[in-house]
Amino acid sequence: MTVSNIPTRAESLVFVYNDVSNKRMQHGGHGIVEFALPEGATSAEVPRVFGHTYEVPVGIEMVAEYRNRKGEAGGAYKPPCSGGKNHLYTVDVQAWQGDSVLAETTVEMGRY
């Protein structure tokens, strides 16, 4: 994923994955990961995070694993999985400096 228009003071990007149609899976229910930025970066190529695994690419750190059902495998990211119930999936992309969010946008990933 290419992210642009990043504030120059941002130190990292945080990706909060959501199933908007499922209250339990909102606010990062599908996982939260962080990508460290080089100083002064205003755009970045963020590597793909695969689903259902704790192994993440270099430069990515798992902030919170996805909320799984009992007996289900865990991981840093859970792909869309409503079984065709037309759920809306989004990712909140946040630019962070220390403990502050400098900018945020929500990207619709689609319906499944």
Protein backbone atom coordinates (compact mmCIF):
# COMPACT_ATOMS: atom_id res chain seq x y z
CA MET A 1 0.00 0.00 0.00
CA THR A 2 1.26 3.45 -0.84
CA VAL A 3 0.51 6.15 1.73
CA SER A 4 1.05 9.79 0.79
CA ASN A 5 0.47 13.23 2.33
CA ILE A 6 2.05 12.07 5.60
CA PRO A 7 2.84 14.95 7.99
CA THR A 8 6.64 15.46 8.04
CA ARG A 9 6.79 15.12 11.85
CA ALA A 10 5.15 11.66 11.81
CA GLU A 11 7.26 8.85 13.25
CA SER A 12 4.96 5.96 12.33
CA LEU A 13 1.77 4.91 10.60
CA VAL A 14 -0.78 2.84 12.49
CA PHE A 15 -3.31 0.72 10.62
CA VAL A 16 -6.52 -0.13 12.50
CA TYR A 17 -8.50 -2.85 10.66
CA ASN A 18 -12.28 -2.99 11.19
CA ASP A 19 -15.45 -4.82 10.25
CA VAL A 20 -17.84 -1.86 10.50
CA SER A 21 -20.88 -4.15 10.23
CA ASN A 22 -19.92 -6.21 13.30
CA LYS A 23 -19.80 -4.21 16.54
CA ARG A 24 -17.36 -6.66 18.17
CA MET A 25 -14.93 -6.29 15.27
CA GLN A 26 -14.90 -2.47 15.11
CA HIS A 27 -12.08 -0.35 16.60
CA GLY A 28 -9.29 -2.69 15.52
CA GLY A 29 -11.14 -5.97 15.80
CA HIS A 30 -9.32 -7.23 12.70
CA GLY A 31 -5.93 -6.22 14.10
CA ILE A 32 -3.71 -3.18 14.58
CA VAL A 33 -0.21 -2.86 13.13
CA GLU A 34 2.38 -0.09 13.10
CA PHE A 35 4.89 0.87 10.40
CA ALA A 36 7.96 2.91 11.39
CA LEU A 37 8.72 5.86 9.12
CA PRO A 38 12.09 7.33 8.19
CA GLU A 39 12.53 10.87 9.53
CA GLY A 40 10.77 13.48 7.38
CA ALA A 41 8.94 10.95 5.19
CA THR A 42 5.87 12.34 3.42
CA SER A 43 5.04 9.10 1.59
CA ALA A 44 5.74 5.43 2.22
CA GLU A 45 5.41 1.99 0.63
CA VAL A 46 3.98 -0.21 3.36
CA PRO A 47 4.56 -3.95 2.94
CA ARG A 48 1.62 -6.35 2.87
CA VAL A 49 0.64 -8.07 6.13
CA PHE A 50 -0.69 -11.58 5.60
CA GLY A 51 -3.68 -12.83 7.55
CA HIS A 52 -3.84 -15.37 10.36
CA THR A 53 -0.17 -15.17 11.32
CA TYR A 54 2.01 -13.41 13.87
CA GLU A 55 4.85 -13.17 11.34
CA VAL A 56 4.95 -9.63 9.98
CA PRO A 57 7.28 -8.02 7.43
CA VAL A 58 10.37 -6.08 8.47
CA GLY A 59 9.36 -2.59 9.58
CA ILE A 60 5.90 -3.71 10.76
CA GLU A 61 5.07 -4.28 14.42
CA MET A 62 1.89 -5.85 15.76
CA VAL A 63 0.15 -3.43 18.16
CA ALA A 64 -2.88 -5.63 18.89
CA GLU A 65 -3.79 -9.03 17.51
CA TYR A 66 -7.19 -9.47 15.96
CA ARG A 67 -10.11 -10.61 18.11
CA ASN A 68 -10.56 -14.28 17.41
CA ARG A 69 -13.17 -16.82 18.35
CA LYS A 70 -12.35 -19.58 20.81
CA GLY A 71 -10.27 -22.20 19.04
CA GLU A 72 -9.48 -19.95 16.07
CA ALA A 73 -5.87 -19.18 15.11
CA GLY A 74 -4.66 -15.71 16.10
CA GLY A 75 -2.50 -13.21 14.31
CA ALA A 76 -1.70 -9.60 13.51
CA TYR A 77 -4.40 -9.23 10.82
CA LYS A 78 -7.65 -11.03 10.03
CA PRO A 79 -8.88 -10.72 6.42
CA PRO A 80 -12.57 -10.17 5.62
CA CYS A 81 -14.56 -13.19 6.75
CA SER A 82 -18.31 -12.51 6.99
CA GLY A 83 -19.18 -15.45 4.77
CA GLY A 84 -20.74 -13.24 2.12
CA LYS A 85 -23.01 -11.23 4.46
CA ASN A 86 -22.06 -7.91 2.77
CA HIS A 87 -20.08 -6.58 5.77
CA LEU A 88 -18.16 -3.33 5.25
CA TYR A 89 -14.41 -3.56 5.96
CA THR A 90 -12.25 -0.47 6.58
CA VAL A 91 -8.78 0.48 7.72
CA ASP A 92 -8.10 3.64 9.73
CA VAL A 93 -4.69 4.97 8.70
CA GLN A 94 -3.17 7.15 11.43
CA ALA A 95 0.06 9.19 11.35
CA TRP A 96 1.62 9.24 14.85
CA GLN A 97 4.29 11.34 16.54
CA GLY A 98 4.98 10.03 20.03
CA ASP A 99 1.60 9.67 21.75
CA SER A 100 -0.26 11.99 19.37
CA VAL A 101 -2.19 11.34 16.17
CA LEU A 102 -1.19 14.02 13.65
CA ALA A 103 -3.55 12.92 10.86
CA GLU A 104 -6.06 10.16 10.20
CA THR A 105 -8.12 8.89 7.30
CA THR A 106 -10.39 5.89 6.80
CA VAL A 107 -10.07 3.72 3.68
CA GLU A 108 -12.92 1.44 2.63
CA MET A 109 -11.45 -1.96 1.80
CA GLY A 110 -14.73 -3.23 0.39
CA ARG A 111 -17.70 -5.42 1.21
CA TYR A 112 -17.71 -9.16 1.66
